[in-house]
């Protein structure tokens, strides 16, 4: 089974583009690493224990549930803390999608594509495990607008989140494909259709 890595920047539209591909190519298997991170931080005892040990009880509520906004404010204010959280989460997330890829590749019969939505793809050297990489990009002003107006984040936090990732031009230069998502949803759909014809037909 070929594996396509889909990456980009915060609020560039990776999930929307992946959804477009999945609708156009129903055989596509999708693994969302952000969703995996949410699952791990909601219910994995080892992950939650490691977070509590490093960040303290202040990022948990009275019932013991992780307070993601509190943790997010800490890690995007301090690169050292962000790296600490990544060191807790990323190995477990990678094990999950690598295990999925190995399992599907081991099945007899035709193997459709597997798409892995990985925000920090190049930052974590995940490209070594992928057959192709696609970057979903947009302008920095569009990123800021989506984070502040749509996700209702403070402007300073939005800026720090954008700055914490590899610049989009650097990601585009290293990718096999690039999609520009500064316009209407229809434009994203057209680009997804062109890619599906190129890869899946």
N, C-alpha and C. Protein backbone atom coordinates (compact mmCIF):
# COMPACT_ATOMS: atom_id res chain seq x y z
N UNK A 1 0.84 -1.20 0.00
CA UNK A 1 0.00 0.00 0.00
C UNK A 1 0.88 1.25 0.00
N UNK A 2 0.73 2.11 -1.00
CA UNK A 2 1.47 3.38 -0.96
C UNK A 2 0.94 4.28 0.16
N UNK A 3 1.84 5.05 0.74
CA UNK A 3 1.47 5.92 1.85
C UNK A 3 1.74 7.38 1.45
N UNK A 4 0.69 8.19 1.52
CA UNK A 4 0.78 9.62 1.22
C UNK A 4 0.77 10.40 2.53
N UNK A 5 1.78 11.21 2.76
CA UNK A 5 1.80 12.10 3.90
C UNK A 5 1.23 13.45 3.51
N UNK A 6 0.27 13.94 4.30
CA UNK A 6 -0.33 15.25 4.05
C UNK A 6 0.05 16.16 5.21
N UNK A 7 0.69 17.27 4.89
CA UNK A 7 1.15 18.19 5.94
C UNK A 7 0.86 19.62 5.51
N UNK A 8 1.36 20.55 6.28
CA UNK A 8 1.14 21.97 6.01
C UNK A 8 1.44 22.76 7.26
N UNK A 9 0.71 23.82 7.49
CA UNK A 9 0.86 24.61 8.70
C UNK A 9 -0.44 24.64 9.47
N UNK A 10 -0.39 25.22 10.65
CA UNK A 10 -1.61 25.36 11.44
C UNK A 10 -2.63 26.18 10.65
N UNK A 11 -3.85 25.67 10.54
CA UNK A 11 -4.96 26.37 9.89
C UNK A 11 -4.77 26.58 8.39
N UNK A 12 -3.98 25.72 7.75
CA UNK A 12 -3.86 25.83 6.28
C UNK A 12 -4.90 24.99 5.55
N UNK A 13 -5.55 24.06 6.25
CA UNK A 13 -6.62 23.29 5.62
C UNK A 13 -6.27 21.84 5.32
N UNK A 14 -5.33 21.25 6.08
CA UNK A 14 -4.94 19.86 5.84
C UNK A 14 -6.12 18.91 5.98
N UNK A 15 -6.88 19.08 7.05
CA UNK A 15 -8.00 18.17 7.31
C UNK A 15 -9.08 18.33 6.24
N UNK A 16 -9.34 19.55 5.83
CA UNK A 16 -10.34 19.78 4.78
C UNK A 16 -9.93 19.13 3.47
N UNK A 17 -8.64 19.27 3.14
CA UNK A 17 -8.17 18.67 1.89
C UNK A 17 -8.22 17.15 1.96
N UNK A 18 -7.83 16.60 3.10
CA UNK A 18 -7.88 15.14 3.26
C UNK A 18 -9.31 14.64 3.14
N UNK A 19 -10.26 15.40 3.69
CA UNK A 19 -11.67 15.04 3.54
C UNK A 19 -12.13 15.06 2.10
N UNK A 20 -11.66 16.05 1.34
CA UNK A 20 -11.98 16.09 -0.09
C UNK A 20 -11.48 14.84 -0.80
N UNK A 21 -10.23 14.46 -0.53
CA UNK A 21 -9.66 13.27 -1.16
C UNK A 21 -10.46 12.02 -0.80
N UNK A 22 -10.83 11.91 0.46
CA UNK A 22 -11.56 10.72 0.90
C UNK A 22 -12.92 10.62 0.23
N UNK A 23 -13.58 11.76 0.00
CA UNK A 23 -14.87 11.73 -0.69
C UNK A 23 -14.71 11.33 -2.16
N UNK A 24 -13.63 11.79 -2.78
CA UNK A 24 -13.40 11.50 -4.19
C UNK A 24 -12.90 10.08 -4.41
N UNK A 25 -12.22 9.53 -3.43
CA UNK A 25 -11.59 8.21 -3.55
C UNK A 25 -11.96 7.41 -2.30
N UNK A 26 -13.15 6.80 -2.28
CA UNK A 26 -13.65 6.14 -1.07
C UNK A 26 -12.75 5.02 -0.55
N UNK A 27 -11.91 4.44 -1.41
CA UNK A 27 -11.02 3.38 -0.95
C UNK A 27 -9.84 3.91 -0.14
N UNK A 28 -9.67 5.22 -0.11
CA UNK A 28 -8.56 5.81 0.62
C UNK A 28 -8.71 5.57 2.12
N UNK A 29 -7.67 5.06 2.76
CA UNK A 29 -7.65 4.96 4.22
C UNK A 29 -6.97 6.21 4.77
N UNK A 30 -7.50 6.76 5.83
CA UNK A 30 -6.99 8.01 6.39
C UNK A 30 -6.63 7.81 7.86
N UNK A 31 -5.47 8.33 8.24
CA UNK A 31 -5.07 8.36 9.65
C UNK A 31 -4.78 9.80 10.02
N UNK A 32 -5.52 10.33 10.99
CA UNK A 32 -5.40 11.72 11.43
C UNK A 32 -4.58 11.75 12.71
N UNK A 33 -3.36 12.28 12.64
CA UNK A 33 -2.50 12.26 13.82
C UNK A 33 -3.00 13.22 14.90
N UNK A 34 -3.68 14.30 14.53
CA UNK A 34 -4.26 15.18 15.54
C UNK A 34 -5.35 14.46 16.33
N UNK A 35 -6.19 13.69 15.61
CA UNK A 35 -7.22 12.91 16.29
C UNK A 35 -6.61 11.86 17.20
N UNK A 36 -5.52 11.26 16.74
CA UNK A 36 -4.82 10.28 17.57
C UNK A 36 -4.29 10.95 18.83
N UNK A 37 -3.73 12.15 18.71
CA UNK A 37 -3.22 12.87 19.88
C UNK A 37 -4.34 13.17 20.86
N UNK A 38 -5.51 13.54 20.34
CA UNK A 38 -6.65 13.82 21.23
C UNK A 38 -7.08 12.56 21.98
N UNK A 39 -7.08 11.43 21.27
CA UNK A 39 -7.46 10.18 21.92
C UNK A 39 -6.45 9.80 23.01
N UNK A 40 -5.17 9.95 22.70
CA UNK A 40 -4.14 9.59 23.67
C UNK A 40 -4.22 10.47 24.92
N UNK A 41 -4.46 11.77 24.70
CA UNK A 41 -4.51 12.69 25.85
C UNK A 41 -5.85 12.64 26.58
N UNK A 42 -6.80 11.90 26.03
CA UNK A 42 -8.08 11.74 26.71
C UNK A 42 -8.14 10.47 27.54
N UNK A 43 -7.42 9.42 27.08
CA UNK A 43 -7.67 8.13 27.73
C UNK A 43 -6.47 7.22 27.92
N UNK A 44 -5.29 7.60 27.42
CA UNK A 44 -4.14 6.71 27.57
C UNK A 44 -3.47 6.96 28.92
N UNK A 45 -3.48 5.99 29.82
CA UNK A 45 -2.95 6.22 31.16
C UNK A 45 -1.47 6.59 31.17
N UNK A 46 -0.67 5.95 30.32
CA UNK A 46 0.76 6.23 30.30
C UNK A 46 1.04 7.65 29.82
N UNK A 47 0.32 8.08 28.78
CA UNK A 47 0.50 9.43 28.25
C UNK A 47 0.07 10.46 29.29
N UNK A 48 -1.08 10.25 29.90
CA UNK A 48 -1.58 11.20 30.89
C UNK A 48 -0.66 11.27 32.10
N UNK A 49 -0.13 10.13 32.51
CA UNK A 49 0.81 10.12 33.64
C UNK A 49 2.08 10.90 33.30
N UNK A 50 2.58 10.71 32.09
CA UNK A 50 3.79 11.43 31.68
C UNK A 50 3.55 12.93 31.62
N UNK A 51 2.37 13.34 31.14
CA UNK A 51 2.03 14.76 31.09
C UNK A 51 1.92 15.33 32.51
N UNK A 52 1.27 14.60 33.40
CA UNK A 52 1.14 15.07 34.78
C UNK A 52 2.51 15.18 35.45
N UNK A 53 3.38 14.18 35.21
CA UNK A 53 4.71 14.20 35.82
C UNK A 53 5.51 15.41 35.37
N UNK A 54 5.37 15.77 34.09
CA UNK A 54 6.20 16.87 33.57
C UNK A 54 5.56 18.24 33.81
N UNK A 55 4.25 18.36 33.53
CA UNK A 55 3.61 19.67 33.56
C UNK A 55 2.88 19.96 34.87
N UNK A 56 2.70 18.95 35.70
CA UNK A 56 2.05 19.15 36.98
C UNK A 56 0.55 19.03 36.91
N UNK A 57 -0.12 19.04 38.07
CA UNK A 57 -1.57 18.85 38.12
C UNK A 57 -2.36 20.05 37.62
N UNK A 58 -1.71 21.19 37.41
CA UNK A 58 -2.43 22.40 37.00
C UNK A 58 -3.04 22.33 35.63
N UNK A 59 -2.62 21.36 34.80
CA UNK A 59 -3.20 21.24 33.46
C UNK A 59 -4.34 20.21 33.44
N UNK A 60 -4.76 19.75 34.62
CA UNK A 60 -5.87 18.82 34.73
C UNK A 60 -6.98 19.47 35.55
N UNK A 61 -8.24 19.10 35.27
CA UNK A 61 -9.33 19.64 36.07
C UNK A 61 -9.58 18.73 37.28
N UNK A 62 -10.60 19.06 38.06
CA UNK A 62 -10.85 18.33 39.30
C UNK A 62 -11.20 16.87 39.06
N UNK A 63 -11.74 16.55 37.87
CA UNK A 63 -12.10 15.17 37.57
C UNK A 63 -10.93 14.37 37.01
N UNK A 64 -9.80 15.05 36.77
CA UNK A 64 -8.63 14.37 36.22
C UNK A 64 -8.51 14.46 34.72
N UNK A 65 -9.42 15.19 34.07
CA UNK A 65 -9.35 15.34 32.61
C UNK A 65 -8.33 16.42 32.24
N UNK A 66 -7.58 16.15 31.19
CA UNK A 66 -6.58 17.11 30.72
C UNK A 66 -7.28 18.36 30.18
N UNK A 67 -6.79 19.51 30.57
CA UNK A 67 -7.29 20.79 30.06
C UNK A 67 -6.40 21.23 28.90
N UNK A 68 -6.83 20.90 27.70
CA UNK A 68 -6.00 21.15 26.53
C UNK A 68 -5.67 22.63 26.32
N UNK A 69 -6.62 23.58 26.54
CA UNK A 69 -6.23 24.99 26.39
C UNK A 69 -5.13 25.42 27.35
N UNK A 70 -5.16 24.93 28.58
CA UNK A 70 -4.11 25.28 29.55
C UNK A 70 -2.77 24.73 29.11
N UNK A 71 -2.77 23.48 28.63
CA UNK A 71 -1.52 22.88 28.16
C UNK A 71 -1.01 23.59 26.92
N UNK A 72 -1.93 23.92 26.02
CA UNK A 72 -1.55 24.62 24.78
C UNK A 72 -0.90 25.96 25.10
N UNK A 73 -1.44 26.70 26.06
CA UNK A 73 -0.87 28.00 26.41
C UNK A 73 0.56 27.85 26.92
N UNK A 74 0.81 26.79 27.66
CA UNK A 74 2.17 26.56 28.19
C UNK A 74 3.14 26.22 27.07
N UNK A 75 2.77 25.27 26.21
CA UNK A 75 3.74 24.76 25.24
C UNK A 75 4.02 25.75 24.12
N UNK A 76 3.04 26.61 23.80
CA UNK A 76 3.32 27.57 22.74
C UNK A 76 3.94 28.86 23.27
N UNK A 77 4.09 28.96 24.58
CA UNK A 77 4.82 30.09 25.16
C UNK A 77 6.27 29.75 25.43
N UNK A 78 6.63 28.46 25.34
CA UNK A 78 7.97 28.02 25.72
C UNK A 78 8.38 26.86 24.83
N UNK A 79 9.34 27.06 23.91
CA UNK A 79 9.75 25.98 23.01
C UNK A 79 10.26 24.74 23.74
N UNK A 80 10.88 24.92 24.90
CA UNK A 80 11.38 23.77 25.66
C UNK A 80 10.21 22.91 26.13
N UNK A 81 9.15 23.56 26.59
CA UNK A 81 7.97 22.82 27.03
C UNK A 81 7.26 22.16 25.85
N UNK A 82 7.26 22.83 24.72
CA UNK A 82 6.64 22.23 23.53
C UNK A 82 7.38 20.96 23.12
N UNK A 83 8.71 21.02 23.14
CA UNK A 83 9.51 19.84 22.81
C UNK A 83 9.26 18.72 23.81
N UNK A 84 9.05 19.07 25.06
CA UNK A 84 8.78 18.05 26.08
C UNK A 84 7.46 17.33 25.78
N UNK A 85 6.44 18.09 25.41
CA UNK A 85 5.16 17.47 25.07
C UNK A 85 5.29 16.61 23.82
N UNK A 86 6.00 17.11 22.82
CA UNK A 86 6.19 16.33 21.59
C UNK A 86 6.91 15.02 21.88
N UNK A 87 7.88 15.06 22.81
CA UNK A 87 8.62 13.84 23.15
C UNK A 87 7.71 12.81 23.82
N UNK A 88 6.67 13.27 24.48
CA UNK A 88 5.70 12.36 25.10
C UNK A 88 4.75 11.78 24.05
N UNK A 89 4.26 12.62 23.14
CA UNK A 89 3.20 12.22 22.23
C UNK A 89 3.69 11.59 20.93
N UNK A 90 4.72 12.15 20.33
CA UNK A 90 5.06 11.76 18.96
C UNK A 90 5.44 10.29 18.80
N UNK A 91 6.22 9.70 19.70
CA UNK A 91 6.54 8.27 19.50
C UNK A 91 5.29 7.39 19.51
N UNK A 92 4.34 7.67 20.39
CA UNK A 92 3.12 6.86 20.44
C UNK A 92 2.28 7.06 19.19
N UNK A 93 2.18 8.31 18.72
CA UNK A 93 1.41 8.57 17.50
C UNK A 93 2.03 7.86 16.31
N UNK A 94 3.36 7.94 16.20
CA UNK A 94 4.02 7.29 15.06
C UNK A 94 3.85 5.78 15.11
N UNK A 95 3.94 5.19 16.28
CA UNK A 95 3.72 3.74 16.39
C UNK A 95 2.35 3.36 15.86
N UNK A 96 1.36 4.18 16.16
CA UNK A 96 -0.01 3.88 15.72
C UNK A 96 -0.12 3.86 14.20
N UNK A 97 0.38 4.91 13.52
CA UNK A 97 0.18 4.92 12.08
C UNK A 97 1.14 3.98 11.34
N UNK A 98 2.33 3.75 11.90
CA UNK A 98 3.22 2.77 11.28
C UNK A 98 2.63 1.37 11.42
N UNK A 99 2.05 1.05 12.57
CA UNK A 99 1.41 -0.25 12.76
C UNK A 99 0.26 -0.44 11.77
N UNK A 100 -0.54 0.63 11.57
CA UNK A 100 -1.64 0.55 10.61
C UNK A 100 -1.11 0.28 9.21
N UNK A 101 -0.06 0.99 8.81
CA UNK A 101 0.50 0.81 7.47
C UNK A 101 1.03 -0.62 7.29
N UNK A 102 1.71 -1.13 8.31
CA UNK A 102 2.25 -2.50 8.21
C UNK A 102 1.12 -3.52 8.13
N UNK A 103 0.08 -3.33 8.92
CA UNK A 103 -1.04 -4.27 8.93
C UNK A 103 -1.72 -4.32 7.58
N UNK A 104 -1.99 -3.16 7.00
CA UNK A 104 -2.70 -3.12 5.72
C UNK A 104 -1.82 -3.66 4.61
N UNK A 105 -0.53 -3.33 4.65
CA UNK A 105 0.37 -3.83 3.62
C UNK A 105 0.50 -5.35 3.69
N UNK A 106 0.26 -5.92 4.85
CA UNK A 106 0.38 -7.36 5.00
C UNK A 106 -0.82 -8.14 4.50
N UNK A 107 -1.91 -7.44 4.18
CA UNK A 107 -3.10 -8.13 3.69
C UNK A 107 -2.95 -8.49 2.21
N UNK A 108 -3.43 -9.67 1.80
CA UNK A 108 -3.38 -10.01 0.38
C UNK A 108 -4.37 -9.17 -0.42
N UNK A 109 -4.17 -9.14 -1.71
CA UNK A 109 -5.08 -8.42 -2.58
C UNK A 109 -4.61 -7.00 -2.86
N UNK A 110 -5.42 -6.24 -3.62
CA UNK A 110 -5.03 -4.87 -3.98
C UNK A 110 -4.98 -3.98 -2.75
N UNK A 111 -4.00 -3.11 -2.73
CA UNK A 111 -3.82 -2.20 -1.60
C UNK A 111 -4.05 -0.76 -2.04
N UNK A 112 -5.14 -0.13 -1.59
CA UNK A 112 -5.34 1.28 -1.91
C UNK A 112 -4.37 2.16 -1.12
N UNK A 113 -4.41 3.43 -1.39
CA UNK A 113 -3.53 4.36 -0.70
C UNK A 113 -3.95 4.55 0.75
N UNK A 114 -2.96 4.81 1.58
CA UNK A 114 -3.18 5.24 2.96
C UNK A 114 -2.68 6.68 3.06
N UNK A 115 -3.52 7.59 3.54
CA UNK A 115 -3.13 9.00 3.74
C UNK A 115 -2.94 9.26 5.23
N UNK A 116 -1.79 9.83 5.58
CA UNK A 116 -1.49 10.17 6.96
C UNK A 116 -1.44 11.69 7.07
N UNK A 117 -2.34 12.27 7.86
CA UNK A 117 -2.37 13.72 8.09
C UNK A 117 -1.42 14.02 9.25
N UNK A 118 -0.25 14.61 8.93
CA UNK A 118 0.81 14.82 9.92
C UNK A 118 1.23 16.29 9.91
N UNK A 119 0.77 17.11 10.84
CA UNK A 119 1.16 18.53 10.84
C UNK A 119 2.67 18.75 10.89
N UNK A 120 3.38 17.99 11.72
CA UNK A 120 4.83 18.17 11.87
C UNK A 120 5.59 17.08 11.12
N UNK A 121 5.21 16.85 9.89
CA UNK A 121 5.79 15.76 9.10
C UNK A 121 7.30 15.92 8.93
N UNK A 122 7.72 17.04 8.37
CA UNK A 122 9.14 17.25 8.15
C UNK A 122 9.89 17.49 9.45
N UNK A 123 9.24 18.15 10.40
CA UNK A 123 9.88 18.43 11.68
C UNK A 123 10.23 17.15 12.43
N UNK A 124 9.50 16.05 12.16
CA UNK A 124 9.75 14.78 12.84
C UNK A 124 10.39 13.74 11.91
N UNK A 125 10.82 14.18 10.72
CA UNK A 125 11.47 13.29 9.75
C UNK A 125 10.60 12.10 9.36
N UNK A 126 9.29 12.30 9.35
CA UNK A 126 8.37 11.22 9.00
C UNK A 126 8.43 10.87 7.52
N UNK A 127 8.97 11.77 6.70
CA UNK A 127 8.98 11.53 5.26
C UNK A 127 9.74 10.26 4.88
N UNK A 128 10.64 9.79 5.74
CA UNK A 128 11.40 8.58 5.45
C UNK A 128 10.51 7.34 5.40
N UNK A 129 9.31 7.43 5.95
CA UNK A 129 8.38 6.30 5.97
C UNK A 129 7.27 6.43 4.93
N UNK A 130 7.34 7.45 4.08
CA UNK A 130 6.23 7.77 3.17
C UNK A 130 6.66 7.62 1.72
N UNK A 131 5.67 7.35 0.86
CA UNK A 131 5.96 7.25 -0.57
C UNK A 131 5.88 8.61 -1.26
N UNK A 132 4.93 9.44 -0.85
CA UNK A 132 4.77 10.78 -1.40
C UNK A 132 4.37 11.72 -0.28
N UNK A 133 4.70 13.01 -0.45
CA UNK A 133 4.33 14.03 0.53
C UNK A 133 3.64 15.18 -0.18
N UNK A 134 2.53 15.62 0.41
CA UNK A 134 1.79 16.76 -0.11
C UNK A 134 1.69 17.82 0.98
N UNK A 135 1.89 19.07 0.60
CA UNK A 135 1.77 20.20 1.52
C UNK A 135 0.54 21.01 1.16
N UNK A 136 -0.30 21.28 2.15
CA UNK A 136 -1.42 22.21 1.99
C UNK A 136 -0.98 23.54 2.60
N UNK A 137 -0.96 24.59 1.79
CA UNK A 137 -0.42 25.87 2.24
C UNK A 137 -1.40 27.00 1.95
N UNK A 138 -1.17 28.11 2.62
CA UNK A 138 -1.92 29.34 2.36
C UNK A 138 -1.05 30.50 2.82
N UNK A 139 -1.53 31.71 2.66
CA UNK A 139 -0.77 32.87 3.09
C UNK A 139 -0.78 32.98 4.61
N UNK A 140 0.23 33.64 5.16
CA UNK A 140 0.30 33.84 6.61
C UNK A 140 -0.89 34.65 7.11
N UNK A 141 -1.34 35.61 6.31
CA UNK A 141 -2.49 36.41 6.74
C UNK A 141 -3.75 35.56 6.85
N UNK A 142 -3.90 34.59 5.94
CA UNK A 142 -5.06 33.70 6.02
C UNK A 142 -4.96 32.80 7.24
N UNK A 143 -3.75 32.30 7.53
CA UNK A 143 -3.57 31.51 8.75
C UNK A 143 -4.00 32.30 9.98
N UNK A 144 -3.50 33.53 10.09
CA UNK A 144 -3.84 34.36 11.26
C UNK A 144 -5.34 34.59 11.36
N UNK A 145 -5.96 34.89 10.24
CA UNK A 145 -7.40 35.17 10.25
C UNK A 145 -8.18 33.93 10.70
N UNK A 146 -7.82 32.78 10.19
CA UNK A 146 -8.53 31.56 10.58
C UNK A 146 -8.34 31.26 12.07
N UNK A 147 -7.15 31.45 12.58
CA UNK A 147 -6.90 31.16 13.99
C UNK A 147 -7.62 32.14 14.91
N UNK A 148 -7.61 33.41 14.53
CA UNK A 148 -8.19 34.44 15.41
C UNK A 148 -9.71 34.53 15.23
N UNK A 149 -10.17 34.60 13.98
CA UNK A 149 -11.59 34.82 13.73
C UNK A 149 -12.43 33.55 13.81
N UNK A 150 -11.86 32.44 13.35
CA UNK A 150 -12.64 31.19 13.31
C UNK A 150 -12.43 30.36 14.57
N UNK A 151 -11.17 30.25 15.00
CA UNK A 151 -10.89 29.43 16.19
C UNK A 151 -10.88 30.25 17.48
N UNK A 152 -10.99 31.56 17.33
CA UNK A 152 -11.12 32.47 18.47
C UNK A 152 -9.91 32.40 19.42
N UNK A 153 -8.71 32.31 18.83
CA UNK A 153 -7.49 32.33 19.62
C UNK A 153 -6.98 33.76 19.74
N UNK A 154 -6.25 34.03 20.80
CA UNK A 154 -5.65 35.35 20.97
C UNK A 154 -4.60 35.55 19.87
N UNK A 155 -4.49 36.78 19.34
CA UNK A 155 -3.51 37.02 18.27
C UNK A 155 -2.09 36.60 18.63
N UNK A 156 -1.67 36.86 19.86
CA UNK A 156 -0.30 36.50 20.26
C UNK A 156 -0.12 34.98 20.22
N UNK A 157 -1.13 34.24 20.66
CA UNK A 157 -1.04 32.78 20.61
C UNK A 157 -1.02 32.29 19.17
N UNK A 158 -1.84 32.89 18.32
CA UNK A 158 -1.86 32.52 16.91
C UNK A 158 -0.47 32.71 16.28
N UNK A 159 0.15 33.85 16.57
CA UNK A 159 1.49 34.11 16.03
C UNK A 159 2.50 33.09 16.52
N UNK A 160 2.44 32.74 17.80
CA UNK A 160 3.42 31.78 18.33
C UNK A 160 3.19 30.39 17.75
N UNK A 161 1.95 30.02 17.49
CA UNK A 161 1.67 28.73 16.89
C UNK A 161 2.21 28.66 15.46
N UNK A 162 2.02 29.72 14.71
CA UNK A 162 2.56 29.75 13.34
C UNK A 162 4.08 29.71 13.36
N UNK A 163 4.69 30.49 14.25
CA UNK A 163 6.14 30.57 14.32
C UNK A 163 6.79 29.28 14.80
N UNK A 164 6.02 28.43 15.51
CA UNK A 164 6.59 27.20 16.05
C UNK A 164 6.82 26.14 14.98
N UNK A 165 6.25 26.32 13.79
CA UNK A 165 6.36 25.32 12.75
C UNK A 165 7.34 25.75 11.67
N UNK A 166 7.84 24.78 10.93
CA UNK A 166 8.72 25.06 9.80
C UNK A 166 8.00 25.98 8.82
N UNK A 167 8.68 26.99 8.27
CA UNK A 167 8.02 27.89 7.32
C UNK A 167 7.43 27.11 6.13
N UNK A 168 6.27 27.55 5.69
CA UNK A 168 5.61 26.84 4.60
C UNK A 168 6.43 26.77 3.31
N UNK A 169 7.16 27.83 2.90
CA UNK A 169 7.98 27.69 1.69
C UNK A 169 9.01 26.56 1.80
N UNK A 170 9.56 26.35 2.98
CA UNK A 170 10.52 25.26 3.16
C UNK A 170 9.85 23.90 3.02
N UNK A 171 8.62 23.79 3.52
CA UNK A 171 7.88 22.53 3.38
C UNK A 171 7.53 22.28 1.92
N UNK A 172 7.09 23.32 1.23
CA UNK A 172 6.73 23.17 -0.19
C UNK A 172 7.94 22.70 -1.00
N UNK A 173 9.11 23.24 -0.70
CA UNK A 173 10.31 22.88 -1.44
C UNK A 173 10.67 21.41 -1.27
N UNK A 174 10.27 20.80 -0.16
CA UNK A 174 10.63 19.41 0.11
C UNK A 174 9.53 18.42 -0.27
N UNK A 175 8.37 18.91 -0.68
CA UNK A 175 7.23 18.04 -0.95
C UNK A 175 7.17 17.62 -2.41
N UNK A 176 6.41 16.56 -2.67
CA UNK A 176 6.16 16.11 -4.04
C UNK A 176 5.02 16.89 -4.67
N UNK A 177 4.05 17.31 -3.85
CA UNK A 177 2.89 18.05 -4.34
C UNK A 177 2.59 19.20 -3.38
N UNK A 178 2.00 20.27 -3.91
CA UNK A 178 1.57 21.38 -3.07
C UNK A 178 0.17 21.82 -3.49
N UNK A 179 -0.63 22.16 -2.51
CA UNK A 179 -1.99 22.66 -2.72
C UNK A 179 -2.08 24.02 -2.06
N UNK A 180 -2.67 24.99 -2.77
CA UNK A 180 -2.80 26.35 -2.24
C UNK A 180 -4.24 26.57 -1.80
N UNK A 181 -4.43 26.90 -0.54
CA UNK A 181 -5.77 26.97 0.04
C UNK A 181 -6.06 28.35 0.62
N UNK A 182 -5.97 29.36 -0.23
CA UNK A 182 -6.30 30.72 0.18
C UNK A 182 -7.69 31.14 -0.26
N UNK A 183 -8.34 30.28 -1.06
CA UNK A 183 -9.60 30.69 -1.66
C UNK A 183 -10.80 29.98 -1.10
N UNK A 184 -11.80 29.76 -1.96
CA UNK A 184 -13.05 29.14 -1.57
C UNK A 184 -12.90 27.62 -1.50
N UNK A 185 -13.80 26.95 -0.77
CA UNK A 185 -13.74 25.49 -0.69
C UNK A 185 -13.78 24.80 -2.05
N UNK A 186 -14.46 25.41 -3.03
CA UNK A 186 -14.52 24.80 -4.36
C UNK A 186 -13.14 24.66 -4.97
N UNK A 187 -12.27 25.64 -4.71
CA UNK A 187 -10.92 25.58 -5.27
C UNK A 187 -10.13 24.42 -4.66
N UNK A 188 -10.36 24.16 -3.38
CA UNK A 188 -9.70 23.02 -2.74
C UNK A 188 -10.20 21.72 -3.33
N UNK A 189 -11.49 21.65 -3.60
CA UNK A 189 -12.10 20.45 -4.21
C UNK A 189 -11.51 20.18 -5.58
N UNK A 190 -11.32 21.22 -6.37
CA UNK A 190 -10.74 21.05 -7.71
C UNK A 190 -9.33 20.49 -7.61
N UNK A 191 -8.53 21.02 -6.70
CA UNK A 191 -7.16 20.54 -6.54
C UNK A 191 -7.13 19.09 -6.03
N UNK A 192 -8.06 18.75 -5.15
CA UNK A 192 -8.14 17.36 -4.68
C UNK A 192 -8.51 16.43 -5.83
N UNK A 193 -9.41 16.88 -6.69
CA UNK A 193 -9.80 16.05 -7.83
C UNK A 193 -8.61 15.83 -8.78
N UNK A 194 -7.84 16.87 -9.03
CA UNK A 194 -6.68 16.73 -9.90
C UNK A 194 -5.65 15.76 -9.31
N UNK A 195 -5.43 15.87 -8.01
CA UNK A 195 -4.47 14.96 -7.38
C UNK A 195 -4.98 13.53 -7.40
N UNK A 196 -6.27 13.33 -7.14
CA UNK A 196 -6.81 11.97 -7.14
C UNK A 196 -6.70 11.33 -8.52
N UNK A 197 -6.90 12.13 -9.56
CA UNK A 197 -6.73 11.60 -10.91
C UNK A 197 -5.28 11.21 -11.18
N UNK A 198 -4.36 12.00 -10.66
CA UNK A 198 -2.94 11.74 -10.87
C UNK A 198 -2.46 10.51 -10.10
N UNK A 199 -2.89 10.39 -8.85
CA UNK A 199 -2.36 9.32 -7.99
C UNK A 199 -3.17 8.02 -8.06
N UNK A 200 -4.49 8.14 -8.14
CA UNK A 200 -5.34 6.99 -7.88
C UNK A 200 -5.95 6.36 -9.14
N UNK A 201 -5.81 7.00 -10.28
CA UNK A 201 -6.44 6.44 -11.48
C UNK A 201 -5.52 5.43 -12.17
